[in-house]
PDB file of all heavy atoms in Angstrom:
ATOM      1  N   ALA A   1      -6.209 -12.680 -16.195  1.00  0.00           N
ATOM      2  CA  ALA A   1      -4.929 -13.330 -16.468  1.00  0.00           C
ATOM      3  C   ALA A   1      -3.869 -12.790 -15.504  1.00  0.00           C
ATOM      4  O   ALA A   1      -4.086 -11.782 -14.825  1.00  0.00           O
ATOM      5  CB  ALA A   1      -4.520 -13.065 -17.910  1.00  0.00           C
ATOM      6  N   PRO A   2      -2.708 -13.447 -15.429  1.00  0.00           N
ATOM      7  CA  PRO A   2      -1.643 -12.947 -14.551  1.00  0.00           C
ATOM      8  C   PRO A   2      -1.305 -11.490 -14.873  1.00  0.00           C
ATOM      9  O   PRO A   2      -1.400 -11.052 -16.018  1.00  0.00           O
ATOM     10  CB  PRO A   2      -0.467 -13.873 -14.868  1.00  0.00           C
ATOM     11  CG  PRO A   2      -1.117 -15.147 -15.322  1.00  0.00           C
ATOM     12  CD  PRO A   2      -2.324 -14.716 -16.086  1.00  0.00           C
ATOM     13  N   ILE A   3      -0.929 -10.750 -13.833  1.00  0.00           N
ATOM     14  CA  ILE A   3      -0.619  -9.323 -13.977  1.00  0.00           C
ATOM     15  C   ILE A   3       0.821  -9.081 -13.543  1.00  0.00           C
ATOM     16  O   ILE A   3       1.250  -9.547 -12.488  1.00  0.00           O
ATOM     17  CB  ILE A   3      -1.556  -8.469 -13.099  1.00  0.00           C
ATOM     18  CG1 ILE A   3      -3.005  -8.664 -13.533  1.00  0.00           C
ATOM     19  CG2 ILE A   3      -1.169  -6.990 -13.181  1.00  0.00           C
ATOM     20  CD1 ILE A   3      -3.999  -8.013 -12.583  1.00  0.00           C
ATOM     21  N   LYS A   4       1.554  -8.349 -14.354  1.00  0.00           N
ATOM     22  CA  LYS A   4       2.901  -7.905 -14.001  1.00  0.00           C
ATOM     23  C   LYS A   4       2.874  -6.389 -13.854  1.00  0.00           C
ATOM     24  O   LYS A   4       2.230  -5.690 -14.633  1.00  0.00           O
ATOM     25  CB  LYS A   4       3.913  -8.302 -15.076  1.00  0.00           C
ATOM     26  CG  LYS A   4       4.149  -9.796 -15.228  1.00  0.00           C
ATOM     27  CD  LYS A   4       5.227 -10.052 -16.281  1.00  0.00           C
ATOM     28  CE  LYS A   4       5.575 -11.529 -16.388  1.00  0.00           C
ATOM     29  NZ  LYS A   4       4.484 -12.325 -16.948  1.00  0.00           N
ATOM     30  N   ALA A   5       3.556  -5.880 -12.846  1.00  0.00           N
ATOM     31  CA  ALA A   5       3.617  -4.436 -12.635  1.00  0.00           C
ATOM     32  C   ALA A   5       4.964  -4.079 -12.026  1.00  0.00           C
ATOM     33  O   ALA A   5       5.594  -4.883 -11.334  1.00  0.00           O
ATOM     34  CB  ALA A   5       2.486  -3.974 -11.728  1.00  0.00           C
ATOM     35  N   ILE A   6       5.412  -2.861 -12.305  1.00  0.00           N
ATOM     36  CA  ILE A   6       6.656  -2.340 -11.738  1.00  0.00           C
ATOM     37  C   ILE A   6       6.354  -0.986 -11.118  1.00  0.00           C
ATOM     38  O   ILE A   6       5.723  -0.134 -11.765  1.00  0.00           O
ATOM     39  CB  ILE A   6       7.747  -2.193 -12.819  1.00  0.00           C
ATOM     40  CG1 ILE A   6       8.100  -3.559 -13.414  1.00  0.00           C
ATOM     41  CG2 ILE A   6       9.004  -1.536 -12.236  1.00  0.00           C
ATOM     42  CD1 ILE A   6       9.096  -3.494 -14.570  1.00  0.00           C
ATOM     43  N   GLY A   7       6.759  -0.789  -9.877  1.00  0.00           N
ATOM     44  CA  GLY A   7       6.439   0.480  -9.231  1.00  0.00           C
ATOM     45  C   GLY A   7       7.234   0.698  -7.966  1.00  0.00           C
ATOM     46  O   GLY A   7       8.336   0.179  -7.803  1.00  0.00           O
ATOM     47  N   TYR A   8       6.641   1.448  -7.044  1.00  0.00           N
ATOM     48  CA  TYR A   8       7.308   1.819  -5.801  1.00  0.00           C
ATOM     49  C   TYR A   8       6.556   1.255  -4.598  1.00  0.00           C
ATOM     50  O   TYR A   8       5.329   1.124  -4.618  1.00  0.00           O
ATOM     51  CB  TYR A   8       7.389   3.342  -5.682  1.00  0.00           C
ATOM     52  CG  TYR A   8       8.340   3.958  -6.686  1.00  0.00           C
ATOM     53  CD1 TYR A   8       7.869   4.474  -7.885  1.00  0.00           C
ATOM     54  CD2 TYR A   8       9.712   4.003  -6.438  1.00  0.00           C
ATOM     55  CE1 TYR A   8       8.736   5.038  -8.823  1.00  0.00           C
ATOM     56  CE2 TYR A   8      10.586   4.551  -7.361  1.00  0.00           C
ATOM     57  CZ  TYR A   8      10.097   5.066  -8.549  1.00  0.00           C
ATOM     58  OH  TYR A   8      10.967   5.604  -9.472  1.00  0.00           O
ATOM     59  N   SER A   9       7.308   0.945  -3.539  1.00  0.00           N
ATOM     60  CA  SER A   9       6.732   0.451  -2.297  1.00  0.00           C
ATOM     61  C   SER A   9       6.810   1.554  -1.250  1.00  0.00           C
ATOM     62  O   SER A   9       7.881   2.142  -1.034  1.00  0.00           O
ATOM     63  CB  SER A   9       7.474  -0.791  -1.798  1.00  0.00           C
ATOM     64  OG  SER A   9       7.282  -1.865  -2.695  1.00  0.00           O
ATOM     65  N   LEU A  10       5.673   1.834  -0.609  1.00  0.00           N
ATOM     66  CA  LEU A  10       5.578   2.933   0.355  1.00  0.00           C
ATOM     67  C   LEU A  10       5.143   2.398   1.714  1.00  0.00           C
ATOM     68  O   LEU A  10       4.267   1.538   1.787  1.00  0.00           O
ATOM     69  CB  LEU A  10       4.566   3.968  -0.121  1.00  0.00           C
ATOM     70  CG  LEU A  10       4.773   4.533  -1.531  1.00  0.00           C
ATOM     71  CD1 LEU A  10       3.539   5.317  -1.957  1.00  0.00           C
ATOM     72  CD2 LEU A  10       6.011   5.418  -1.572  1.00  0.00           C
ATOM     73  N   PRO A  11       5.703   2.893   2.805  1.00  0.00           N
ATOM     74  CA  PRO A  11       5.300   2.442   4.149  1.00  0.00           C
ATOM     75  C   PRO A  11       4.015   3.133   4.578  1.00  0.00           C
ATOM     76  O   PRO A  11       3.601   4.132   3.974  1.00  0.00           O
ATOM     77  CB  PRO A  11       6.470   2.881   5.028  1.00  0.00           C
ATOM     78  CG  PRO A  11       6.958   4.133   4.349  1.00  0.00           C
ATOM     79  CD  PRO A  11       6.812   3.865   2.868  1.00  0.00           C
ATOM     80  N   PRO A  12       3.340   2.637   5.636  1.00  0.00           N
ATOM     81  CA  PRO A  12       2.167   3.339   6.187  1.00  0.00           C
ATOM     82  C   PRO A  12       2.565   4.742   6.632  1.00  0.00           C
ATOM     83  O   PRO A  12       3.719   4.995   6.963  1.00  0.00           O
ATOM     84  CB  PRO A  12       1.754   2.464   7.376  1.00  0.00           C
ATOM     85  CG  PRO A  12       2.308   1.116   7.064  1.00  0.00           C
ATOM     86  CD  PRO A  12       3.607   1.383   6.347  1.00  0.00           C
ATOM     87  N   ARG A  13       1.611   5.652   6.630  1.00  0.00           N
ATOM     88  CA  ARG A  13       1.902   7.033   7.010  1.00  0.00           C
ATOM     89  C   ARG A  13       2.310   7.145   8.476  1.00  0.00           C
ATOM     90  O   ARG A  13       1.693   6.535   9.348  1.00  0.00           O
ATOM     91  CB  ARG A  13       0.684   7.925   6.757  1.00  0.00           C
ATOM     92  CG  ARG A  13       0.432   8.173   5.278  1.00  0.00           C
ATOM     93  CD  ARG A  13      -0.732   9.127   5.070  1.00  0.00           C
ATOM     94  NE  ARG A  13      -0.925   9.417   3.658  1.00  0.00           N
ATOM     95  CZ  ARG A  13      -1.622   8.634   2.832  1.00  0.00           C
ATOM     96  NH1 ARG A  13      -2.191   7.546   3.303  1.00  0.00           N
ATOM     97  NH2 ARG A  13      -1.746   8.938   1.562  1.00  0.00           N
ATOM     98  N   ASP A  14       3.354   7.920   8.722  1.00  0.00           N
ATOM     99  CA  ASP A  14       3.798   8.253  10.082  1.00  0.00           C
ATOM    100  C   ASP A  14       4.127   7.032  10.922  1.00  0.00           C
ATOM    101  O   ASP A  14       4.115   7.092  12.150  1.00  0.00           O
ATOM    102  CB  ASP A  14       2.726   9.085  10.808  1.00  0.00           C
ATOM    103  CG  ASP A  14       2.369  10.352  10.035  1.00  0.00           C
ATOM    104  OD1 ASP A  14       3.285  10.947   9.461  1.00  0.00           O
ATOM    105  OD2 ASP A  14       1.184  10.711  10.010  1.00  0.00           O
ATOM    106  N   GLY A  15       4.372   5.905  10.289  1.00  0.00           N
ATOM    107  CA  GLY A  15       4.745   4.709  11.018  1.00  0.00           C
ATOM    108  C   GLY A  15       3.640   4.105  11.849  1.00  0.00           C
ATOM    109  O   GLY A  15       3.873   3.223  12.671  1.00  0.00           O
ATOM    110  N   ARG A  16       2.391   4.572  11.649  1.00  0.00           N
ATOM    111  CA  ARG A  16       1.292   4.046  12.473  1.00  0.00           C
ATOM    112  C   ARG A  16       0.838   2.681  11.961  1.00  0.00           C
ATOM    113  O   ARG A  16       1.218   2.241  10.884  1.00  0.00           O
ATOM    114  CB  ARG A  16       0.112   5.026  12.467  1.00  0.00           C
ATOM    115  CG  ARG A  16      -0.518   5.252  11.097  1.00  0.00           C
ATOM    116  CD  ARG A  16      -1.641   6.280  11.197  1.00  0.00           C
ATOM    117  NE  ARG A  16      -2.195   6.627   9.903  1.00  0.00           N
ATOM    118  CZ  ARG A  16      -3.072   5.894   9.248  1.00  0.00           C
ATOM    119  NH1 ARG A  16      -3.492   4.755   9.748  1.00  0.00           N
ATOM    120  NH2 ARG A  16      -3.538   6.279   8.076  1.00  0.00           N
ATOM    121  N   GLU A  17      -0.002   2.031  12.753  1.00  0.00           N
ATOM    122  CA  GLU A  17      -0.497   0.708  12.386  1.00  0.00           C
ATOM    123  C   GLU A  17      -1.407   0.802  11.162  1.00  0.00           C
ATOM    124  O   GLU A  17      -2.227   1.693  11.047  1.00  0.00           O
ATOM    125  CB  GLU A  17      -1.274   0.091  13.552  1.00  0.00           C
ATOM    126  CG  GLU A  17      -1.696  -1.349  13.309  1.00  0.00           C
ATOM    127  CD  GLU A  17      -2.378  -1.961  14.516  1.00  0.00           C
ATOM    128  OE1 GLU A  17      -2.342  -1.322  15.594  1.00  0.00           O
ATOM    129  OE2 GLU A  17      -2.935  -3.062  14.388  1.00  0.00           O
ATOM    130  N   TRP A  18      -1.226  -0.116  10.258  1.00  0.00           N
ATOM    131  CA  TRP A  18      -1.978  -0.129   9.011  1.00  0.00           C
ATOM    132  C   TRP A  18      -3.450  -0.443   9.249  1.00  0.00           C
ATOM    133  O   TRP A  18      -3.805  -1.275  10.070  1.00  0.00           O
ATOM    134  CB  TRP A  18      -1.373  -1.172   8.084  1.00  0.00           C
ATOM    135  CG  TRP A  18      -2.176  -1.479   6.864  1.00  0.00           C
ATOM    136  CD1 TRP A  18      -2.312  -0.700   5.752  1.00  0.00           C
ATOM    137  CD2 TRP A  18      -2.944  -2.657   6.614  1.00  0.00           C
ATOM    138  NE1 TRP A  18      -3.126  -1.312   4.829  1.00  0.00           N
ATOM    139  CE2 TRP A  18      -3.530  -2.522   5.329  1.00  0.00           C
ATOM    140  CE3 TRP A  18      -3.207  -3.811   7.348  1.00  0.00           C
ATOM    141  CZ2 TRP A  18      -4.344  -3.498   4.771  1.00  0.00           C
ATOM    142  CZ3 TRP A  18      -4.017  -4.781   6.790  1.00  0.00           C
ATOM    143  CH2 TRP A  18      -4.573  -4.621   5.519  1.00  0.00           C
ATOM    144  N   ASN A  19      -4.323   0.255   8.531  1.00  0.00           N
ATOM    145  CA  ASN A  19      -5.764   0.018   8.581  1.00  0.00           C
ATOM    146  C   ASN A  19      -6.258  -0.209   7.162  1.00  0.00           C
ATOM    147  O   ASN A  19      -6.020   0.625   6.279  1.00  0.00           O
ATOM    148  CB  ASN A  19      -6.474   1.225   9.190  1.00  0.00           C
ATOM    149  CG  ASN A  19      -7.980   1.023   9.286  1.00  0.00           C
ATOM    150  OD1 ASN A  19      -8.677   0.991   8.270  1.00  0.00           O
ATOM    151  ND2 ASN A  19      -8.485   0.898  10.501  1.00  0.00           N
ATOM    152  N   PRO A  20      -6.935  -1.343   6.876  1.00  0.00           N
ATOM    153  CA  PRO A  20      -7.308  -1.676   5.495  1.00  0.00           C
ATOM    154  C   PRO A  20      -8.254  -0.677   4.847  1.00  0.00           C
ATOM    155  O   PRO A  20      -8.297  -0.582   3.621  1.00  0.00           O
ATOM    156  CB  PRO A  20      -7.973  -3.052   5.641  1.00  0.00           C
ATOM    157  CG  PRO A  20      -8.415  -3.111   7.075  1.00  0.00           C
ATOM    158  CD  PRO A  20      -7.379  -2.358   7.836  1.00  0.00           C
ATOM    159  N   TYR A  21      -9.040   0.056   5.635  1.00  0.00           N
ATOM    160  CA  TYR A  21      -9.973   1.026   5.053  1.00  0.00           C
ATOM    161  C   TYR A  21      -9.332   2.410   4.938  1.00  0.00           C
ATOM    162  O   TYR A  21      -9.289   3.011   3.873  1.00  0.00           O
ATOM    163  CB  TYR A  21     -11.248   1.121   5.890  1.00  0.00           C
ATOM    164  CG  TYR A  21     -11.948  -0.205   6.075  1.00  0.00           C
ATOM    165  CD1 TYR A  21     -12.413  -0.585   7.337  1.00  0.00           C
ATOM    166  CD2 TYR A  21     -12.127  -1.079   5.019  1.00  0.00           C
ATOM    167  CE1 TYR A  21     -13.052  -1.792   7.521  1.00  0.00           C
ATOM    168  CE2 TYR A  21     -12.758  -2.293   5.197  1.00  0.00           C
ATOM    169  CZ  TYR A  21     -13.224  -2.650   6.441  1.00  0.00           C
ATOM    170  OH  TYR A  21     -13.856  -3.843   6.623  1.00  0.00           O
ATOM    171  N   ASP A  22      -8.814   2.914   6.055  1.00  0.00           N
ATOM    172  CA  ASP A  22      -8.275   4.273   6.056  1.00  0.00           C
ATOM    173  C   ASP A  22      -7.045   4.414   5.175  1.00  0.00           C
ATOM    174  O   ASP A  22      -6.726   5.517   4.715  1.00  0.00           O
ATOM    175  CB  ASP A  22      -7.923   4.703   7.485  1.00  0.00           C
ATOM    176  CG  ASP A  22      -9.152   4.783   8.381  1.00  0.00           C
ATOM    177  OD1 ASP A  22     -10.264   4.880   7.837  1.00  0.00           O
ATOM    178  OD2 ASP A  22      -8.994   4.720   9.613  1.00  0.00           O
ATOM    179  N   ASP A  23      -6.326   3.311   4.941  1.00  0.00           N
ATOM    180  CA  ASP A  23      -5.103   3.382   4.157  1.00  0.00           C
ATOM    181  C   ASP A  23      -5.291   2.941   2.711  1.00  0.00           C
ATOM    182  O   ASP A  23      -4.318   2.705   2.000  1.00  0.00           O
ATOM    183  CB  ASP A  23      -4.007   2.538   4.820  1.00  0.00           C
ATOM    184  CG  ASP A  23      -3.507   3.171   6.103  1.00  0.00           C
ATOM    185  OD1 ASP A  23      -3.310   4.396   6.097  1.00  0.00           O
ATOM    186  OD2 ASP A  23      -3.334   2.466   7.101  1.00  0.00           O
ATOM    187  N   ALA A  24      -6.524   2.831   2.263  1.00  0.00           N
ATOM    188  CA  ALA A  24      -6.770   2.557   0.847  1.00  0.00           C
ATOM    189  C   ALA A  24      -6.307   3.760   0.031  1.00  0.00           C
ATOM    190  O   ALA A  24      -6.173   4.863   0.557  1.00  0.00           O
ATOM    191  CB  ALA A  24      -8.256   2.298   0.625  1.00  0.00           C
ATOM    192  N   SER A  25      -6.040   3.546  -1.254  1.00  0.00           N
ATOM    193  CA  SER A  25      -5.576   4.618  -2.160  1.00  0.00           C
ATOM    194  C   SER A  25      -4.405   5.377  -1.535  1.00  0.00           C
ATOM    195  O   SER A  25      -4.338   6.603  -1.607  1.00  0.00           O
ATOM    196  CB  SER A  25      -6.724   5.578  -2.509  1.00  0.00           C
ATOM    197  OG  SER A  25      -7.219   6.226  -1.366  1.00  0.00           O
TER     198      SER A  25
END
């Protein structure tokens, strides 16, 4: 079913390019 969540938004570490595997969790 639809999901609602409230939290915080964080940028990639050290401003580097995002990687879908290394930046998981």
